[in-house]
Amino acid sequence: MAEVGRAVRMLAVVGIVLLTIGCDRLTKQIAAQQLAGRPRLSMAGDSVRLEYVENSGGVLSIGSGLPEAVRVVIFSLGTGGLLIWLGVWIRRHILAGGLPLGAALLWAGGAANLADRISRGSVVDFLNVGVGALRTGIFNAADVAITIGVVLVAFDMTRPGRTRLV
C-alpha cells in the first residue's frame, strides 16, 4: 500500500512539473509571437504591462552585464547543479512519505528558465505588474512558479516537524 502512495505522490509531482513547464513554454511562445518587436501593451489602468524582453541575467537582469562565460557558469551550470540536487531531494522526500509541492514548483520553474538559457542564450520575460511607480520587474510564468515554490518551502520549513532541504 505504501508503494501506491509513493506512486501517487510521484505522479502528482511529475504532473505539477509538466503542467508548469508546459504553461511557461506556451506563454513564452505566445509572447514571442505577439509581443516581440512591438511597443509595450498597457492593460487594466496600467496595472498590467506586457512587454517582450530577453533577459541574459538573473532576477531583475542581475548579472546580464557579466561576460558570457561567467553567465554560463552561474546561470546554466549553477542552475543545472541546483536542479540535480533539488531533484534528488524531491525524490527522497517522496520516498519518505512527503509531497514536496513547493520544491516541485521550484524545480519546474528553474528547469523551464534553464531550457530557455540553453536554447536561446537568454530567458524570455514579458509580464510586469504594479501600481504607479511601484512595479515588479519583468517576469514570466516560470518565475511565478519559482516564487510560489519559495513561499511554500519557507512555510513548510517554519512549521513544527518541518522538512529540511539539507
C-alpha atoms as a PDB file:
ATOM      1  CA  MET A   1       0.000   0.000   0.000  1.00  0.00           C
ATOM      2  CA  ALA A   2       2.915   2.350   0.709  1.00  0.00           C
ATOM      3  CA  GLU A   3       4.140   1.785  -2.847  1.00  0.00           C
ATOM      4  CA  VAL A   4       0.798   3.007  -4.208  1.00  0.00           C
ATOM      5  CA  GLY A   5       1.068   6.151  -2.078  1.00  0.00           C
ATOM      6  CA  ARG A   6       4.589   6.810  -3.348  1.00  0.00           C
ATOM      7  CA  ALA A   7       3.487   6.300  -6.933  1.00  0.00           C
ATOM      8  CA  VAL A   8       0.567   8.703  -6.498  1.00  0.00           C
ATOM      9  CA  ARG A   9       2.838  11.338  -4.903  1.00  0.00           C
ATOM     10  CA  MET A  10       5.410  10.887  -7.683  1.00  0.00           C
ATOM     11  CA  LEU A  11       2.697  11.232 -10.340  1.00  0.00           C
ATOM     12  CA  ALA A  12       1.394  14.370  -8.623  1.00  0.00           C
ATOM     13  CA  VAL A  13       4.869  15.927  -8.627  1.00  0.00           C
ATOM     14  CA  VAL A  14       5.518  14.914 -12.248  1.00  0.00           C
ATOM     15  CA  GLY A  15       2.123  16.334 -13.208  1.00  0.00           C
ATOM     16  CA  ILE A  16       2.861  19.643 -11.480  1.00  0.00           C
ATOM     17  CA  VAL A  17       6.260  19.831 -13.158  1.00  0.00           C
ATOM     18  CA  LEU A  18       4.891  19.057 -16.639  1.00  0.00           C
ATOM     19  CA  LEU A  19       1.964  21.456 -16.245  1.00  0.00           C
ATOM     20  CA  THR A  20       4.237  24.246 -15.017  1.00  0.00           C
ATOM     21  CA  ILE A  21       6.810  23.793 -17.769  1.00  0.00           C
ATOM     22  CA  GLY A  22       4.063  23.478 -20.399  1.00  0.00           C
ATOM     23  CA  CYS A  23       2.370  26.675 -19.228  1.00  0.00           C
ATOM     24  CA  ASP A  24       5.690  28.510 -19.235  1.00  0.00           C
ATOM     25  CA  ARG A  25       6.651  27.283 -22.723  1.00  0.00           C
ATOM     26  CA  LEU A  26       3.243  28.163 -24.147  1.00  0.00           C
ATOM     27  CA  THR A  27       3.129  31.670 -22.653  1.00  0.00           C
ATOM     28  CA  LYS A  28       6.692  32.396 -23.799  1.00  0.00           C
ATOM     29  CA  GLN A  29       5.843  31.221 -27.311  1.00  0.00           C
ATOM     30  CA  ILE A  30       2.765  33.461 -27.397  1.00  0.00           C
ATOM     31  CA  ALA A  31       4.813  36.376 -26.045  1.00  0.00           C
ATOM     32  CA  ALA A  32       7.455  35.863 -28.728  1.00  0.00           C
ATOM     33  CA  GLN A  33       4.819  35.735 -31.478  1.00  0.00           C
ATOM     34  CA  GLN A  34       2.595  38.558 -30.259  1.00  0.00           C
ATOM     35  CA  LEU A  35       4.898  40.954 -28.363  1.00  0.00           C
ATOM     36  CA  ALA A  36       8.397  40.771 -29.871  1.00  0.00           C
ATOM     37  CA  GLY A  37       9.260  43.920 -31.809  1.00  0.00           C
ATOM     38  CA  ARG A  38       6.127  45.723 -30.679  1.00  0.00           C
ATOM     39  CA  PRO A  39       5.670  48.524 -28.154  1.00  0.00           C
ATOM     40  CA  ARG A  40       4.681  47.674 -24.595  1.00  0.00           C
ATOM     41  CA  LEU A  41       0.971  46.956 -24.072  1.00  0.00           C
ATOM     42  CA  SER A  42      -0.727  48.507 -21.060  1.00  0.00           C
ATOM     43  CA  MET A  43      -3.879  46.966 -19.597  1.00  0.00           C
ATOM     44  CA  ALA A  44      -6.187  47.374 -16.594  1.00  0.00           C
ATOM     45  CA  GLY A  45      -5.322  51.014 -15.986  1.00  0.00           C
ATOM     46  CA  ASP A  46      -1.601  50.280 -16.469  1.00  0.00           C
ATOM     47  CA  SER A  47      -1.561  47.798 -13.590  1.00  0.00           C
ATOM     48  CA  VAL A  48      -0.573  45.078 -16.083  1.00  0.00           C
ATOM     49  CA  ARG A  49       2.033  45.609 -18.767  1.00  0.00           C
ATOM     50  CA  LEU A  50       3.020  43.140 -21.471  1.00  0.00           C
ATOM     51  CA  GLU A  51       6.476  43.686 -22.924  1.00  0.00           C
ATOM     52  CA  TYR A  52       8.799  41.216 -24.650  1.00  0.00           C
ATOM     53  CA  VAL A  53      12.292  41.118 -23.137  1.00  0.00           C
ATOM     54  CA  GLU A  54      15.145  38.632 -23.499  1.00  0.00           C
ATOM     55  CA  ASN A  55      16.932  38.516 -20.149  1.00  0.00           C
ATOM     56  CA  SER A  56      20.502  37.202 -20.229  1.00  0.00           C
ATOM     57  CA  GLY A  57      20.904  37.715 -16.468  1.00  0.00           C
ATOM     58  CA  GLY A  58      19.064  36.512 -13.410  1.00  0.00           C
ATOM     59  CA  VAL A  59      16.182  38.026 -11.499  1.00  0.00           C
ATOM     60  CA  LEU A  60      15.787  41.726 -12.369  1.00  0.00           C
ATOM     61  CA  SER A  61      18.505  41.188 -15.029  1.00  0.00           C
ATOM     62  CA  ILE A  62      21.182  40.964 -12.322  1.00  0.00           C
ATOM     63  CA  GLY A  63      24.371  39.723 -13.952  1.00  0.00           C
ATOM     64  CA  SER A  64      23.299  40.485 -17.517  1.00  0.00           C
ATOM     65  CA  GLY A  65      26.403  42.635 -17.974  1.00  0.00           C
ATOM     66  CA  LEU A  66      28.796  39.854 -16.983  1.00  0.00           C
ATOM     67  CA  PRO A  67      30.934  38.176 -19.641  1.00  0.00           C
ATOM     68  CA  GLU A  68      29.096  35.346 -21.399  1.00  0.00           C
ATOM     69  CA  ALA A  69      31.377  32.632 -19.971  1.00  0.00           C
ATOM     70  CA  VAL A  70      30.658  33.817 -16.417  1.00  0.00           C
ATOM     71  CA  ARG A  71      26.897  33.941 -17.113  1.00  0.00           C
ATOM     72  CA  VAL A  72      27.020  30.375 -18.467  1.00  0.00           C
ATOM     73  CA  VAL A  73      28.753  29.144 -15.326  1.00  0.00           C
ATOM     74  CA  ILE A  74      26.405  30.963 -12.945  1.00  0.00           C
ATOM     75  CA  PHE A  75      23.067  30.758 -14.714  1.00  0.00           C
ATOM     76  CA  SER A  76      23.374  27.492 -16.656  1.00  0.00           C
ATOM     77  CA  LEU A  77      25.847  25.228 -14.881  1.00  0.00           C
ATOM     78  CA  GLY A  78      24.949  26.590 -11.441  1.00  0.00           C
ATOM     79  CA  THR A  79      21.236  26.236 -12.092  1.00  0.00           C
ATOM     80  CA  GLY A  80      21.769  22.753 -13.535  1.00  0.00           C
ATOM     81  CA  GLY A  81      23.640  21.684 -10.409  1.00  0.00           C
ATOM     82  CA  LEU A  82      20.940  23.086  -8.143  1.00  0.00           C
ATOM     83  CA  LEU A  83      18.248  21.325 -10.182  1.00  0.00           C
ATOM     84  CA  ILE A  84      20.064  17.982  -9.842  1.00  0.00           C
ATOM     85  CA  TRP A  85      20.367  18.464  -6.072  1.00  0.00           C
ATOM     86  CA  LEU A  86      16.726  19.543  -5.761  1.00  0.00           C
ATOM     87  CA  GLY A  87      15.556  16.619  -7.927  1.00  0.00           C
ATOM     88  CA  VAL A  88      17.351  14.145  -5.644  1.00  0.00           C
ATOM     89  CA  TRP A  89      15.866  15.881  -2.594  1.00  0.00           C
ATOM     90  CA  ILE A  90      12.346  15.736  -4.097  1.00  0.00           C
ATOM     91  CA  ARG A  91      12.684  12.013  -4.825  1.00  0.00           C
ATOM     92  CA  ARG A  92      13.950  11.284  -1.309  1.00  0.00           C
ATOM     93  CA  HIS A  93      11.141  13.347   0.193  1.00  0.00           C
ATOM     94  CA  ILE A  94       8.520  11.450  -1.831  1.00  0.00           C
ATOM     95  CA  LEU A  95      10.026   8.092  -0.821  1.00  0.00           C
ATOM     96  CA  ALA A  96       9.889   9.237   2.820  1.00  0.00           C
ATOM     97  CA  GLY A  97       6.158   9.906   2.528  1.00  0.00           C
ATOM     98  CA  GLY A  98       6.101  13.607   1.704  1.00  0.00           C
ATOM     99  CA  LEU A  99       4.555  15.597  -1.115  1.00  0.00           C
ATOM    100  CA  PRO A 100       7.036  18.414  -1.870  1.00  0.00           C
ATOM    101  CA  LEU A 101       4.802  20.720  -3.911  1.00  0.00           C
ATOM    102  CA  GLY A 102       6.885  23.842  -3.266  1.00  0.00           C
ATOM    103  CA  ALA A 103      10.107  22.111  -4.254  1.00  0.00           C
ATOM    104  CA  ALA A 104       8.411  20.719  -7.381  1.00  0.00           C
ATOM    105  CA  LEU A 105       7.371  24.238  -8.422  1.00  0.00           C
ATOM    106  CA  LEU A 106      10.918  25.497  -7.777  1.00  0.00           C
ATOM    107  CA  TRP A 107      12.330  22.686  -9.892  1.00  0.00           C
ATOM    108  CA  ALA A 108       9.857  23.198 -12.736  1.00  0.00           C
ATOM    109  CA  GLY A 109      10.392  26.968 -12.877  1.00  0.00           C
ATOM    110  CA  GLY A 110      14.154  26.580 -12.742  1.00  0.00           C
ATOM    111  CA  ALA A 111      14.111  23.888 -15.436  1.00  0.00           C
ATOM    112  CA  ALA A 112      11.874  25.974 -17.714  1.00  0.00           C
ATOM    113  CA  ASN A 113      14.142  29.014 -17.465  1.00  0.00           C
ATOM    114  CA  LEU A 114      17.234  26.828 -17.897  1.00  0.00           C
ATOM    115  CA  ALA A 115      15.728  25.404 -21.100  1.00  0.00           C
ATOM    116  CA  ASP A 116      15.456  28.988 -22.405  1.00  0.00           C
ATOM    117  CA  ARG A 117      19.071  29.736 -21.483  1.00  0.00           C
ATOM    118  CA  ILE A 118      20.299  26.610 -23.235  1.00  0.00           C
ATOM    119  CA  SER A 119      18.150  27.000 -26.359  1.00  0.00           C
ATOM    120  CA  ARG A 120      18.327  30.774 -26.880  1.00  0.00           C
ATOM    121  CA  GLY A 121      21.023  32.112 -24.548  1.00  0.00           C
ATOM    122  CA  SER A 122      18.521  34.177 -22.564  1.00  0.00           C
ATOM    123  CA  VAL A 123      15.176  33.873 -20.778  1.00  0.00           C
ATOM    124  CA  VAL A 124      12.004  35.289 -22.311  1.00  0.00           C
ATOM    125  CA  ASP A 125      10.207  37.640 -19.908  1.00  0.00           C
ATOM    126  CA  PHE A 126       7.015  39.501 -20.769  1.00  0.00           C
ATOM    127  CA  LEU A 127       4.875  40.449 -17.765  1.00  0.00           C
ATOM    128  CA  ASN A 128       5.067  43.408 -15.387  1.00  0.00           C
ATOM    129  CA  VAL A 129       2.503  44.324 -12.737  1.00  0.00           C
ATOM    130  CA  GLY A 130       2.143  47.211 -10.326  1.00  0.00           C
ATOM    131  CA  VAL A 131       0.524  50.483  -9.447  1.00  0.00           C
ATOM    132  CA  GLY A 132       2.144  53.768 -10.400  1.00  0.00           C
ATOM    133  CA  ALA A 133       5.867  53.695  -9.683  1.00  0.00           C
ATOM    134  CA  LEU A 134       5.516  50.563  -7.505  1.00  0.00           C
ATOM    135  CA  ARG A 135       6.135  47.793 -10.061  1.00  0.00           C
ATOM    136  CA  THR A 136       7.630  44.351 -10.318  1.00  0.00           C
ATOM    137  CA  GLY A 137      10.454  43.552 -12.657  1.00  0.00           C
ATOM    138  CA  ILE A 138       9.509  41.910 -15.947  1.00  0.00           C
ATOM    139  CA  PHE A 139       8.905  38.199 -15.371  1.00  0.00           C
ATOM    140  CA  ASN A 140       7.382  35.016 -16.825  1.00  0.00           C
ATOM    141  CA  ALA A 141       5.315  32.005 -15.725  1.00  0.00           C
ATOM    142  CA  ALA A 142       8.414  30.084 -14.584  1.00  0.00           C
ATOM    143  CA  ASP A 143       9.301  32.987 -12.287  1.00  0.00           C
ATOM    144  CA  VAL A 144       5.806  32.817 -10.773  1.00  0.00           C
ATOM    145  CA  ALA A 145       6.290  29.078 -10.118  1.00  0.00           C
ATOM    146  CA  ILE A 146       9.674  29.735  -8.506  1.00  0.00           C
ATOM    147  CA  THR A 147       8.218  32.456  -6.272  1.00  0.00           C
ATOM    148  CA  ILE A 148       5.268  30.313  -5.170  1.00  0.00           C
ATOM    149  CA  GLY A 149       7.661  27.411  -4.619  1.00  0.00           C
ATOM    150  CA  VAL A 150       9.910  29.520  -2.380  1.00  0.00           C
ATOM    151  CA  VAL A 151       6.908  30.665  -0.328  1.00  0.00           C
ATOM    152  CA  LEU A 152       5.629  27.085   0.083  1.00  0.00           C
ATOM    153  CA  VAL A 153       9.067  25.753   1.037  1.00  0.00           C
ATOM    154  CA  ALA A 154       9.580  28.606   3.534  1.00  0.00           C
ATOM    155  CA  PHE A 155       6.147  27.961   5.041  1.00  0.00           C
ATOM    156  CA  ASP A 156       6.875  24.225   5.256  1.00  0.00           C
ATOM    157  CA  MET A 157      10.201  24.865   6.970  1.00  0.00           C
ATOM    158  CA  THR A 158       8.630  27.065   9.668  1.00  0.00           C
ATOM    159  CA  ARG A 159       6.074  24.552  10.870  1.00  0.00           C
ATOM    160  CA  PRO A 160       6.783  22.053  13.673  1.00  0.00           C
ATOM    161  CA  GLY A 161       8.303  18.813  12.403  1.00  0.00           C
ATOM    162  CA  ARG A 162       9.440  20.697   9.326  1.00  0.00           C
ATOM    163  CA  THR A 163      11.085  19.169   6.302  1.00  0.00           C
ATOM    164  CA  ARG A 164      14.685  20.261   5.893  1.00  0.00           C
ATOM    165  CA  LEU A 165      16.205  20.920   2.475  1.00  0.00           C
ATOM    166  CA  VAL A 166      19.657  19.771   3.553  1.00  0.00           C
END
